[in-house]
C-alpha atoms as a PDB file:
ATOM      1  CA  MET A   1     -17.111  30.355  10.754  1.00  0.00           C
ATOM      2  CA  PHE A   2     -15.455  27.877   8.399  1.00  0.00           C
ATOM      3  CA  ASN A   3     -17.267  26.381   5.430  1.00  0.00           C
ATOM      4  CA  ASN A   4     -15.521  23.050   4.863  1.00  0.00           C
ATOM      5  CA  ASN A   5     -18.188  21.361   2.747  1.00  0.00           C
ATOM      6  CA  ASN A   6     -18.575  23.837  -0.120  1.00  0.00           C
ATOM      7  CA  ASN A   7     -17.425  22.245  -3.390  1.00  0.00           C
ATOM      8  CA  ASN A   8     -17.617  25.546  -5.286  1.00  0.00           C
ATOM      9  CA  ASN A   9     -14.990  27.088  -3.004  1.00  0.00           C
ATOM     10  CA  ASN A  10     -12.754  24.044  -3.474  1.00  0.00           C
ATOM     11  CA  LYS A  11     -13.076  24.263  -7.269  1.00  0.00           C
ATOM     12  CA  GLU A  12     -12.326  27.999  -7.175  1.00  0.00           C
ATOM     13  CA  LYS A  13      -9.185  27.307  -5.148  1.00  0.00           C
ATOM     14  CA  GLU A  14      -8.207  24.636  -7.678  1.00  0.00           C
ATOM     15  CA  LEU A  15      -8.700  27.031 -10.595  1.00  0.00           C
ATOM     16  CA  ASN A  16      -6.616  29.691  -8.871  1.00  0.00           C
ATOM     17  CA  ARG A  17      -3.606  27.375  -8.746  1.00  0.00           C
ATOM     18  CA  ILE A  18      -3.644  26.182 -12.384  1.00  0.00           C
ATOM     19  CA  GLU A  19      -0.037  26.005 -13.513  1.00  0.00           C
ATOM     20  CA  THR A  20      -0.574  24.837 -17.105  1.00  0.00           C
ATOM     21  CA  LEU A  21      -3.538  25.738 -19.308  1.00  0.00           C
ATOM     22  CA  ILE A  22      -4.301  24.317 -22.744  1.00  0.00           C
ATOM     23  CA  GLY A  23      -6.824  26.820 -24.152  1.00  0.00           C
ATOM     24  CA  GLU A  24      -9.839  26.097 -26.370  1.00  0.00           C
ATOM     25  CA  GLN A  25      -8.030  27.140 -29.548  1.00  0.00           C
ATOM     26  CA  CYS A  26      -4.937  25.060 -28.753  1.00  0.00           C
ATOM     27  CA  CYS A  27      -4.218  21.624 -30.239  1.00  0.00           C
ATOM     28  CA  VAL A  28      -1.241  19.666 -28.875  1.00  0.00           C
ATOM     29  CA  ILE A  29       0.146  16.638 -30.716  1.00  0.00           C
ATOM     30  CA  GLY A  30       2.547  14.515 -28.685  1.00  0.00           C
ATOM     31  CA  SER A  31       3.048  13.221 -25.173  1.00  0.00           C
ATOM     32  CA  MET A  32       3.404  15.585 -22.215  1.00  0.00           C
ATOM     33  CA  ASN A  33       5.034  15.327 -18.787  1.00  0.00           C
ATOM     34  CA  ILE A  34       3.549  17.899 -16.409  1.00  0.00           C
ATOM     35  CA  ASN A  35       4.271  19.010 -12.859  1.00  0.00           C
ATOM     36  CA  GLY A  36       1.464  20.945 -11.183  1.00  0.00           C
ATOM     37  CA  LEU A  37      -2.225  21.347 -11.935  1.00  0.00           C
ATOM     38  CA  LEU A  38      -3.163  21.064 -15.633  1.00  0.00           C
ATOM     39  CA  LYS A  39      -6.424  22.371 -17.140  1.00  0.00           C
ATOM     40  CA  ILE A  40      -7.343  21.363 -20.675  1.00  0.00           C
ATOM     41  CA  ASP A  41      -9.979  23.214 -22.682  1.00  0.00           C
ATOM     42  CA  GLY A  42      -8.386  22.431 -26.069  1.00  0.00           C
ATOM     43  CA  SER A  43      -7.331  19.098 -27.547  1.00  0.00           C
ATOM     44  CA  ILE A  44      -4.401  16.770 -26.998  1.00  0.00           C
ATOM     45  CA  ASP A  45      -3.441  13.859 -29.224  1.00  0.00           C
ATOM     46  CA  GLY A  46      -0.918  11.989 -27.073  1.00  0.00           C
ATOM     47  CA  ASP A  47      -0.292  10.585 -23.612  1.00  0.00           C
ATOM     48  CA  LEU A  48      -0.285  12.707 -20.440  1.00  0.00           C
ATOM     49  CA  PHE A  49       1.815  12.065 -17.356  1.00  0.00           C
ATOM     50  CA  CYS A  50       1.014  14.486 -14.519  1.00  0.00           C
ATOM     51  CA  GLU A  51       2.354  14.400 -10.959  1.00  0.00           C
ATOM     52  CA  GLU A  52      -0.675  16.325  -9.687  1.00  0.00           C
ATOM     53  CA  ASP A  53      -4.223  16.848 -10.970  1.00  0.00           C
ATOM     54  CA  ILE A  54      -5.807  17.188 -14.406  1.00  0.00           C
ATOM     55  CA  ILE A  55      -9.015  19.084 -15.161  1.00  0.00           C
ATOM     56  CA  LEU A  56     -10.547  18.329 -18.556  1.00  0.00           C
ATOM     57  CA  GLY A  57     -13.035  21.107 -19.334  1.00  0.00           C
ATOM     58  CA  GLU A  58     -16.275  20.726 -21.297  1.00  0.00           C
ATOM     59  CA  SER A  59     -14.600  21.760 -24.550  1.00  0.00           C
ATOM     60  CA  GLY A  60     -11.544  19.576 -23.864  1.00  0.00           C
ATOM     61  CA  HIS A  61     -10.725  16.458 -25.860  1.00  0.00           C
ATOM     62  CA  ILE A  62      -7.912  13.958 -25.273  1.00  0.00           C
ATOM     63  CA  LYS A  63      -6.953  11.066 -27.518  1.00  0.00           C
ATOM     64  CA  GLY A  64      -4.371   9.168 -25.484  1.00  0.00           C
ATOM     65  CA  ASN A  65      -3.675   7.664 -22.086  1.00  0.00           C
ATOM     66  CA  MET A  66      -3.445   9.606 -18.817  1.00  0.00           C
ATOM     67  CA  ILE A  67      -1.641   9.026 -15.537  1.00  0.00           C
ATOM     68  CA  CYS A  68      -2.243  11.513 -12.708  1.00  0.00           C
ATOM     69  CA  ASN A  69      -3.069  11.969  -9.039  1.00  0.00           C
ATOM     70  CA  ASN A  70      -6.684  13.202  -9.397  1.00  0.00           C
ATOM     71  CA  ALA A  71      -8.720  13.809 -12.557  1.00  0.00           C
ATOM     72  CA  TYR A  72     -11.877  15.819 -13.149  1.00  0.00           C
ATOM     73  CA  ILE A  73     -13.330  14.859 -16.536  1.00  0.00           C
ATOM     74  CA  ASN A  74     -15.983  17.119 -18.041  1.00  0.00           C
ATOM     75  CA  GLY A  75     -14.895  16.704 -21.660  1.00  0.00           C
ATOM     76  CA  ILE A  76     -14.075  13.674 -23.834  1.00  0.00           C
ATOM     77  CA  LEU A  77     -11.257  11.191 -23.209  1.00  0.00           C
ATOM     78  CA  HIS A  78     -10.522   8.402 -25.710  1.00  0.00           C
ATOM     79  CA  GLY A  79      -7.914   6.333 -23.886  1.00  0.00           C
ATOM     80  CA  ASN A  80      -7.069   4.674 -20.605  1.00  0.00           C
ATOM     81  CA  ILE A  81      -6.664   6.617 -17.374  1.00  0.00           C
ATOM     82  CA  SER A  82      -4.923   5.765 -14.116  1.00  0.00           C
ATOM     83  CA  CYS A  83      -5.498   7.969 -11.053  1.00  0.00           C
ATOM     84  CA  LYS A  84      -3.520   7.438  -7.863  1.00  0.00           C
ATOM     85  CA  SER A  85      -6.402   8.950  -5.908  1.00  0.00           C
ATOM     86  CA  THR A  86      -9.807  10.116  -7.237  1.00  0.00           C
ATOM     87  CA  LEU A  87     -11.338  10.092 -10.719  1.00  0.00           C
ATOM     88  CA  THR A  88     -14.416  12.277 -11.090  1.00  0.00           C
ATOM     89  CA  ILE A  89     -16.533  12.096 -14.232  1.00  0.00           C
ATOM     90  CA  GLU A  90     -18.586  15.292 -14.349  1.00  0.00           C
ATOM     91  CA  PRO A  91     -22.057  15.614 -16.020  1.00  0.00           C
ATOM     92  CA  CYS A  92     -20.629  16.295 -19.516  1.00  0.00           C
ATOM     93  CA  GLY A  93     -17.664  13.928 -19.084  1.00  0.00           C
ATOM     94  CA  LYS A  94     -17.193  10.930 -21.370  1.00  0.00           C
ATOM     95  CA  ILE A  95     -14.464   8.311 -21.089  1.00  0.00           C
ATOM     96  CA  LYS A  96     -14.036   5.587 -23.694  1.00  0.00           C
ATOM     97  CA  GLY A  97     -11.298   3.393 -22.253  1.00  0.00           C
ATOM     98  CA  ASP A  98     -10.279   1.482 -19.166  1.00  0.00           C
ATOM     99  CA  ILE A  99      -9.782   3.234 -15.853  1.00  0.00           C
ATOM    100  CA  SER A 100      -8.007   2.507 -12.601  1.00  0.00           C
ATOM    101  CA  ALA A 101      -8.458   4.678  -9.534  1.00  0.00           C
ATOM    102  CA  LYS A 102      -8.555   4.517  -5.776  1.00  0.00           C
ATOM    103  CA  LYS A 103     -11.911   6.364  -5.728  1.00  0.00           C
ATOM    104  CA  LEU A 104     -14.435   6.855  -8.528  1.00  0.00           C
ATOM    105  CA  MET A 105     -17.242   9.406  -8.709  1.00  0.00           C
ATOM    106  CA  ILE A 106     -19.602   9.594 -11.702  1.00  0.00           C
ATOM    107  CA  SER A 107     -22.104  12.450 -11.795  1.00  0.00           C
ATOM    108  CA  GLU A 108     -25.492  12.015 -13.439  1.00  0.00           C
ATOM    109  CA  GLY A 109     -24.920  12.360 -17.170  1.00  0.00           C
ATOM    110  CA  GLY A 110     -21.282  11.239 -16.984  1.00  0.00           C
ATOM    111  CA  ILE A 111     -20.350   8.284 -19.213  1.00  0.00           C
ATOM    112  CA  LEU A 112     -17.799   5.504 -18.753  1.00  0.00           C
ATOM    113  CA  ASP A 113     -17.403   3.018 -21.599  1.00  0.00           C
ATOM    114  CA  GLY A 114     -14.693   0.636 -20.416  1.00  0.00           C
ATOM    115  CA  LYS A 115     -13.461  -1.532 -17.559  1.00  0.00           C
ATOM    116  CA  CYS A 116     -12.837  -0.202 -14.069  1.00  0.00           C
ATOM    117  CA  THR A 117     -10.177  -1.405 -11.643  1.00  0.00           C
ATOM    118  CA  MET A 118     -10.200  -0.073  -8.092  1.00  0.00           C
ATOM    119  CA  LEU A 119      -6.698   0.515  -6.706  1.00  0.00           C
ATOM    120  CA  GLY A 120      -6.027  -0.632  -3.152  1.00  0.00           C
ATOM    121  CA  TYR A 121      -8.955  -3.032  -3.202  1.00  0.00           C
ATOM    122  CA  GLU A 122      -8.099  -6.159  -1.216  1.00  0.00           C
ATOM    123  CA  ASN A 123      -8.923  -9.050  -3.517  1.00  0.00           C
ATOM    124  CA  THR A 124      -9.100 -12.340  -1.608  1.00  0.00           C
ATOM    125  CA  ASP A 125      -9.722 -15.816  -2.947  1.00  0.00           C
ATOM    126  CA  SER A 126     -12.867 -16.150  -0.785  1.00  0.00           C
ATOM    127  CA  ALA A 127     -14.308 -12.945  -2.226  1.00  0.00           C
ATOM    128  CA  ASP A 128     -13.618 -14.213  -5.737  1.00  0.00           C
ATOM    129  CA  SER A 129     -15.381 -17.502  -5.036  1.00  0.00           C
ATOM    130  CA  ASP A 130     -18.372 -15.650  -3.510  1.00  0.00           C
ATOM    131  CA  ILE A 131     -18.713 -13.575  -6.670  1.00  0.00           C
ATOM    132  CA  LYS A 132     -18.426 -16.637  -8.928  1.00  0.00           C
ATOM    133  CA  ASN A 133     -21.155 -18.390  -6.940  1.00  0.00           C
ATOM    134  CA  LEU A 134     -23.654 -15.566  -7.517  1.00  0.00           C
END
């Protein structure tokens, strides 16, 4: 009766609640503070601060840092990104910069060129010494 595991339905629901859209022909220069879901198909040259989620479409390009709850990257990001929850790099997504997220998903074809820090990861001295001994 209920189809809870269909990602296409979830993405459609996400797209239906987009509150801010930067279209393909739009170029924004400057930092932005956003409340609500943001979808970017154009380009932004500046930092983004979003309380909710950011979807970077295939034609989207960002040159700046991002802070958000969840991010779905299918375009190009040149900058650092911090996600309070999940960062998903889609098949056409490319990130050149450092990331920090609670969860990270990289689809086949997705590219990450930078350092990754996992939020909420319990880092103990014994774990550090185990890694150093490898």
